């Protein structure tokens, strides 16, 4: 499954490589992304099938690789 979602910092990430040890579970008909860390739900997001869909939604977020860290120092990460 390919596609993109917005993380809690406003970055655009691929569902194939969310990084941070997370794994994405996708419900395609619902356009839902569950970002999991083991059995724990860490984040929920909307699925965008293509970069064009992200742009069409008016979202201006930077696409980051999986190596880009989740969270920041002020969040305790």
N, C-alpha and C. Protein backbone atom coordinates (compact mmCIF):
# COMPACT_ATOMS: atom_id res chain seq x y z
N UNK A 1 0.86 -1.18 0.00
CA UNK A 1 0.00 0.00 0.00
C UNK A 1 0.89 1.23 0.00
N UNK A 2 0.66 2.10 -0.92
CA UNK A 2 1.41 3.35 -0.94
C UNK A 2 0.45 4.48 -0.60
N UNK A 3 1.02 5.59 -0.25
CA UNK A 3 0.24 6.77 0.10
C UNK A 3 1.00 7.60 1.11
N UNK A 4 0.35 8.64 1.58
CA UNK A 4 0.99 9.60 2.46
C UNK A 4 0.04 10.02 3.56
N UNK A 5 0.61 10.53 4.66
CA UNK A 5 -0.16 11.05 5.79
C UNK A 5 0.63 12.17 6.44
N UNK A 6 -0.06 12.96 7.25
CA UNK A 6 0.57 14.06 7.99
C UNK A 6 0.83 13.57 9.41
N UNK A 7 2.09 13.71 9.88
CA UNK A 7 2.41 13.30 11.25
C UNK A 7 2.03 14.41 12.23
N UNK A 8 2.24 14.19 13.52
CA UNK A 8 1.81 15.15 14.53
C UNK A 8 2.61 16.44 14.53
N UNK A 9 3.72 16.48 13.79
CA UNK A 9 4.50 17.71 13.67
C UNK A 9 4.19 18.46 12.39
N UNK A 10 3.24 17.95 11.60
CA UNK A 10 2.88 18.62 10.35
C UNK A 10 3.74 18.22 9.16
N UNK A 11 4.53 17.18 9.31
CA UNK A 11 5.35 16.67 8.20
C UNK A 11 4.55 15.67 7.39
N UNK A 12 4.85 15.58 6.10
CA UNK A 12 4.25 14.59 5.23
C UNK A 12 5.14 13.37 5.22
N UNK A 13 4.55 12.19 5.46
CA UNK A 13 5.31 10.94 5.51
C UNK A 13 4.67 9.89 4.63
N UNK A 14 5.48 8.96 4.16
CA UNK A 14 5.01 7.83 3.37
C UNK A 14 4.50 6.73 4.31
N UNK A 15 3.39 6.09 3.94
CA UNK A 15 2.91 4.98 4.75
C UNK A 15 3.84 3.78 4.64
N UNK A 16 4.65 3.73 3.59
CA UNK A 16 5.59 2.63 3.40
C UNK A 16 6.82 2.77 4.28
N UNK A 17 7.17 4.00 4.67
CA UNK A 17 8.36 4.25 5.47
C UNK A 17 8.10 5.39 6.46
N UNK A 18 7.28 5.13 7.50
CA UNK A 18 6.98 6.21 8.43
C UNK A 18 8.14 6.56 9.35
N UNK A 19 9.09 5.64 9.53
CA UNK A 19 10.24 5.89 10.39
C UNK A 19 9.90 5.75 11.86
N UNK A 20 10.90 5.96 12.70
CA UNK A 20 10.73 5.94 14.15
C UNK A 20 10.32 4.60 14.73
N UNK A 21 10.46 3.53 13.97
CA UNK A 21 10.03 2.23 14.45
C UNK A 21 8.53 2.01 14.36
N UNK A 22 7.84 2.92 13.68
CA UNK A 22 6.40 2.83 13.52
C UNK A 22 6.05 2.02 12.27
N UNK A 23 4.85 1.48 12.27
CA UNK A 23 4.30 0.74 11.13
C UNK A 23 2.90 1.30 10.87
N UNK A 24 2.54 1.44 9.60
CA UNK A 24 1.22 1.96 9.26
C UNK A 24 0.27 0.84 8.87
N UNK A 25 -0.93 0.92 9.41
CA UNK A 25 -2.03 0.07 8.99
C UNK A 25 -3.02 0.99 8.29
N UNK A 26 -3.39 0.61 7.06
CA UNK A 26 -4.21 1.49 6.23
C UNK A 26 -5.57 0.86 5.97
N UNK A 27 -6.62 1.67 6.13
CA UNK A 27 -7.97 1.30 5.73
C UNK A 27 -8.27 2.14 4.50
N UNK A 28 -8.09 1.55 3.32
CA UNK A 28 -8.20 2.29 2.07
C UNK A 28 -9.58 2.91 1.84
N UNK A 29 -10.68 2.15 2.00
CA UNK A 29 -11.99 2.77 1.76
C UNK A 29 -12.28 3.95 2.70
N UNK A 30 -11.79 3.88 3.92
CA UNK A 30 -12.03 4.96 4.89
C UNK A 30 -10.99 6.08 4.79
N UNK A 31 -9.93 5.86 3.98
CA UNK A 31 -8.82 6.82 3.88
C UNK A 31 -8.21 7.08 5.26
N UNK A 32 -8.00 6.01 6.02
CA UNK A 32 -7.53 6.09 7.40
C UNK A 32 -6.17 5.43 7.53
N UNK A 33 -5.28 6.08 8.29
CA UNK A 33 -3.96 5.53 8.59
C UNK A 33 -3.83 5.43 10.10
N UNK A 34 -3.55 4.23 10.58
CA UNK A 34 -3.23 4.00 11.98
C UNK A 34 -1.72 3.79 12.05
N UNK A 35 -1.03 4.65 12.78
CA UNK A 35 0.41 4.53 12.94
C UNK A 35 0.64 3.79 14.25
N UNK A 36 1.24 2.61 14.15
CA UNK A 36 1.36 1.70 15.28
C UNK A 36 2.82 1.55 15.72
N UNK A 37 3.00 1.36 17.02
CA UNK A 37 4.31 0.99 17.59
C UNK A 37 4.03 -0.28 18.37
N UNK A 38 4.28 -1.43 17.72
CA UNK A 38 3.86 -2.70 18.30
C UNK A 38 2.34 -2.73 18.31
N UNK A 39 1.74 -3.09 19.44
CA UNK A 39 0.28 -3.13 19.50
C UNK A 39 -0.36 -1.79 19.88
N UNK A 40 0.44 -0.75 20.07
CA UNK A 40 -0.04 0.54 20.55
C UNK A 40 -0.30 1.50 19.38
N UNK A 41 -1.49 2.10 19.37
CA UNK A 41 -1.81 3.13 18.40
C UNK A 41 -1.14 4.43 18.82
N UNK A 42 -0.22 4.92 18.00
CA UNK A 42 0.54 6.12 18.33
C UNK A 42 -0.02 7.38 17.67
N UNK A 43 -0.68 7.20 16.50
CA UNK A 43 -1.13 8.37 15.75
C UNK A 43 -2.19 7.92 14.76
N UNK A 44 -3.17 8.76 14.50
CA UNK A 44 -4.18 8.52 13.47
C UNK A 44 -4.11 9.64 12.46
N UNK A 45 -4.33 9.30 11.19
CA UNK A 45 -4.22 10.32 10.15
C UNK A 45 -5.10 9.96 8.96
N UNK A 46 -5.26 10.92 8.09
CA UNK A 46 -5.96 10.73 6.82
C UNK A 46 -4.99 10.25 5.78
N UNK A 47 -5.41 9.29 4.97
CA UNK A 47 -4.59 8.78 3.87
C UNK A 47 -4.78 9.64 2.64
N UNK A 48 -3.69 10.04 2.04
CA UNK A 48 -3.67 10.70 0.74
C UNK A 48 -2.95 9.76 -0.20
N UNK A 49 -3.63 9.32 -1.26
CA UNK A 49 -3.08 8.29 -2.14
C UNK A 49 -1.88 8.78 -2.94
N UNK A 50 -1.84 10.07 -3.28
CA UNK A 50 -0.76 10.62 -4.10
C UNK A 50 -0.34 11.98 -3.56
N UNK A 51 0.82 12.44 -4.03
CA UNK A 51 1.27 13.79 -3.68
C UNK A 51 0.31 14.82 -4.27
N UNK A 52 -0.26 14.52 -5.42
CA UNK A 52 -1.24 15.43 -6.03
C UNK A 52 -2.47 15.58 -5.15
N UNK A 53 -2.89 14.50 -4.50
CA UNK A 53 -4.04 14.56 -3.59
C UNK A 53 -3.74 15.45 -2.39
N UNK A 54 -2.50 15.42 -1.91
CA UNK A 54 -2.09 16.28 -0.79
C UNK A 54 -2.18 17.74 -1.23
N UNK A 55 -1.65 18.04 -2.40
CA UNK A 55 -1.68 19.41 -2.92
C UNK A 55 -3.11 19.87 -3.16
N UNK A 56 -3.95 18.98 -3.72
CA UNK A 56 -5.34 19.33 -3.98
C UNK A 56 -6.09 19.66 -2.69
N UNK A 57 -5.71 19.02 -1.59
CA UNK A 57 -6.32 19.29 -0.29
C UNK A 57 -5.82 20.62 0.31
N UNK A 58 -4.88 21.26 -0.36
CA UNK A 58 -4.35 22.54 0.13
C UNK A 58 -3.31 22.41 1.21
N UNK A 59 -2.74 21.22 1.35
CA UNK A 59 -1.74 20.99 2.39
C UNK A 59 -0.36 21.31 1.85
N UNK A 60 0.37 22.12 2.59
CA UNK A 60 1.73 22.51 2.20
C UNK A 60 2.68 21.99 3.27
N UNK A 61 2.95 20.71 3.22
CA UNK A 61 3.83 20.07 4.21
C UNK A 61 5.04 19.51 3.49
N UNK A 62 6.16 19.52 4.17
CA UNK A 62 7.40 18.96 3.61
C UNK A 62 7.36 17.45 3.70
N UNK A 63 7.70 16.77 2.60
CA UNK A 63 7.82 15.32 2.60
C UNK A 63 9.15 14.96 3.24
N UNK A 64 9.09 14.20 4.32
CA UNK A 64 10.31 13.82 5.04
C UNK A 64 10.54 12.32 4.91
N UNK A 65 11.80 11.90 4.91
CA UNK A 65 12.11 10.47 4.84
C UNK A 65 11.87 9.81 6.19
N UNK A 66 11.83 8.49 6.20
CA UNK A 66 11.65 7.75 7.44
C UNK A 66 12.73 8.02 8.46
N UNK A 67 13.91 8.44 8.00
CA UNK A 67 15.01 8.74 8.93
C UNK A 67 14.80 10.04 9.70
N UNK A 68 13.85 10.86 9.25
CA UNK A 68 13.55 12.12 9.95
C UNK A 68 12.89 11.81 11.29
N UNK A 69 13.38 12.37 12.40
CA UNK A 69 12.83 12.02 13.71
C UNK A 69 11.39 12.49 13.91
N UNK A 70 10.64 11.72 14.66
CA UNK A 70 9.30 12.09 15.09
C UNK A 70 9.45 12.93 16.36
N UNK A 71 8.61 13.92 16.52
CA UNK A 71 8.63 14.73 17.74
C UNK A 71 9.84 15.64 17.80
N UNK A 72 9.93 16.35 18.91
CA UNK A 72 11.05 17.26 19.11
C UNK A 72 11.41 17.28 20.59
N UNK A 73 12.44 18.01 20.94
CA UNK A 73 12.92 18.06 22.33
C UNK A 73 11.84 18.55 23.29
N UNK A 74 11.05 19.55 22.86
CA UNK A 74 10.03 20.08 23.78
C UNK A 74 8.94 19.04 24.07
N UNK A 75 8.81 18.04 23.18
CA UNK A 75 7.84 16.96 23.39
C UNK A 75 8.45 15.80 24.19
N UNK A 76 9.72 15.89 24.51
CA UNK A 76 10.38 14.84 25.25
C UNK A 76 11.03 13.77 24.38
N UNK A 77 11.17 14.07 23.08
CA UNK A 77 11.79 13.11 22.17
C UNK A 77 13.21 13.49 21.85
